[in-house]
Amino acid sequence: MLPRRLVLLSAGLILALASCASVFSTGRDFPSPGRDAITTGTTAKPDLLRLFGEPTQVGIDDGDPTWTWLFFKKGNPDLTKQLTVRFRADGVVKSYSFTSNFPEDMKTLR
């Protein structure tokens, strides 16, 4: 059996590392959309919730509702990806943009 002191030290180290994890990323990772994942005029809010989960931010752009998914990962280099979707009044996609510097997206979307 491990000495109590070693168990407490190990538990403290695990808690310290877990609390630092939030410093290394912001937002929630989401799948990068393929070229045909979103169709303007067809894809609706429920489709996006199923594909990407809840948005990180919501807002308004020139009077239109918008949803944004944002993920930032601290590293060398820092990695970011952002999906912003603009909706018509009926909840269908009016326009969208996706930007990323994740290596797999850089290869796929070039």
Protein backbone atom coordinates (compact mmCIF):
# COMPACT_ATOMS: atom_id res chain seq x y z
CA MET A 1 0.00 0.00 0.00
CA LEU A 2 1.30 3.48 -0.82
CA PRO A 3 2.15 5.83 2.01
CA ARG A 4 -0.57 8.40 2.66
CA ARG A 5 1.84 11.26 1.97
CA LEU A 6 2.62 9.94 -1.54
CA VAL A 7 -1.11 9.51 -2.30
CA LEU A 8 -1.85 13.09 -1.21
CA LEU A 9 1.09 14.45 -3.21
CA SER A 10 -0.04 12.54 -6.31
CA ALA A 11 -3.63 13.76 -5.92
CA GLY A 12 -2.41 17.35 -5.54
CA LEU A 13 -0.29 17.08 -8.67
CA ILE A 14 -3.19 15.68 -10.67
CA LEU A 15 -5.48 18.50 -9.52
CA ALA A 16 -2.85 21.12 -10.35
CA LEU A 17 -2.38 19.74 -13.86
CA ALA A 18 -6.13 19.53 -14.43
CA SER A 19 -6.62 23.15 -13.42
CA CYS A 20 -3.91 24.24 -15.88
CA ALA A 21 -5.63 22.47 -18.79
CA SER A 22 -8.08 25.35 -19.25
CA VAL A 23 -5.14 27.73 -19.77
CA PHE A 24 -4.07 25.80 -22.85
CA SER A 25 -7.33 25.96 -24.80
CA THR A 26 -10.37 28.18 -25.17
CA GLY A 27 -13.76 27.18 -26.49
CA ARG A 28 -14.77 23.63 -27.30
CA ASP A 29 -13.25 21.61 -30.10
CA PHE A 30 -15.69 20.89 -32.90
CA PRO A 31 -15.39 18.93 -36.15
CA SER A 32 -14.13 20.97 -39.08
CA PRO A 33 -16.86 21.17 -41.73
CA GLY A 34 -16.17 19.48 -45.04
CA ARG A 35 -16.88 21.38 -48.23
CA ASP A 36 -20.38 19.88 -48.45
CA ALA A 37 -21.31 19.88 -44.72
CA ILE A 38 -23.24 23.18 -44.91
CA THR A 39 -25.46 24.20 -47.81
CA THR A 40 -26.61 27.81 -48.04
CA GLY A 41 -30.40 27.96 -48.33
CA THR A 42 -30.87 24.36 -47.13
CA THR A 43 -28.98 23.64 -43.88
CA ALA A 44 -30.91 24.74 -40.77
CA LYS A 45 -30.13 25.31 -37.08
CA PRO A 46 -31.04 21.73 -35.99
CA ASP A 47 -28.61 20.34 -38.59
CA LEU A 48 -25.79 22.51 -37.24
CA LEU A 49 -26.53 21.52 -33.64
CA ARG A 50 -26.33 17.86 -34.65
CA LEU A 51 -23.05 18.37 -36.55
CA PHE A 52 -21.17 20.77 -34.28
CA GLY A 53 -22.97 20.93 -30.93
CA GLU A 54 -23.95 24.13 -29.18
CA PRO A 55 -22.28 27.29 -30.53
CA THR A 56 -19.64 29.03 -28.45
CA GLN A 57 -21.17 32.45 -29.19
CA VAL A 58 -24.39 33.85 -30.62
CA GLY A 59 -24.95 37.31 -31.99
CA ILE A 60 -26.29 39.52 -34.77
CA ASP A 61 -24.54 40.55 -37.98
CA ASP A 62 -26.23 43.30 -40.00
CA GLY A 63 -29.57 42.32 -38.45
CA ASP A 64 -29.20 38.57 -39.07
CA PRO A 65 -28.81 36.05 -36.23
CA THR A 66 -25.34 34.44 -36.11
CA TRP A 67 -23.84 31.43 -34.39
CA THR A 68 -20.10 31.01 -33.90
CA TRP A 69 -18.04 28.00 -32.95
CA LEU A 70 -14.54 28.94 -31.82
CA PHE A 71 -11.64 26.81 -30.65
CA PHE A 72 -8.17 28.00 -29.65
CA LYS A 73 -5.38 25.65 -28.64
CA LYS A 74 -2.20 27.06 -27.11
CA GLY A 75 0.96 25.48 -28.47
CA ASN A 76 3.81 25.94 -30.87
CA PRO A 77 2.23 27.16 -33.04
CA ASP A 78 -1.05 28.31 -31.50
CA LEU A 79 -3.96 26.71 -33.37
CA THR A 80 -7.36 28.28 -34.00
CA LYS A 81 -10.49 27.46 -35.91
CA GLN A 82 -13.71 29.40 -36.24
CA LEU A 83 -17.03 28.67 -37.91
CA THR A 84 -19.49 31.55 -38.18
CA VAL A 85 -22.98 30.99 -39.61
CA ARG A 86 -25.45 33.72 -40.52
CA PHE A 87 -29.14 32.79 -40.64
CA ARG A 88 -32.24 33.96 -42.46
CA ALA A 89 -35.31 34.74 -40.35
CA ASP A 90 -36.57 31.13 -40.81
CA GLY A 91 -33.40 29.63 -39.26
CA VAL A 92 -31.87 28.45 -42.53
CA VAL A 93 -28.23 29.25 -43.37
CA LYS A 94 -27.85 32.52 -45.27
CA SER A 95 -24.04 32.46 -45.35
CA TYR A 96 -21.12 31.02 -43.43
CA SER A 97 -17.36 31.17 -43.10
CA PHE A 98 -14.82 28.75 -41.71
CA THR A 99 -11.19 29.60 -40.98
CA SER A 100 -8.51 27.40 -39.45
CA ASN A 101 -4.78 26.98 -39.18
CA PHE A 102 -4.98 23.37 -37.94
CA PRO A 103 -2.61 21.32 -40.15
CA GLU A 104 -5.32 18.89 -41.33
CA ASP A 105 -7.57 21.78 -42.38
CA MET A 106 -4.67 23.53 -44.13
CA LYS A 107 -4.17 20.38 -46.25
CA THR A 108 -7.87 19.76 -46.92
CA LEU A 109 -8.99 23.31 -47.72
CA ARG A 110 -6.07 24.60 -49.77
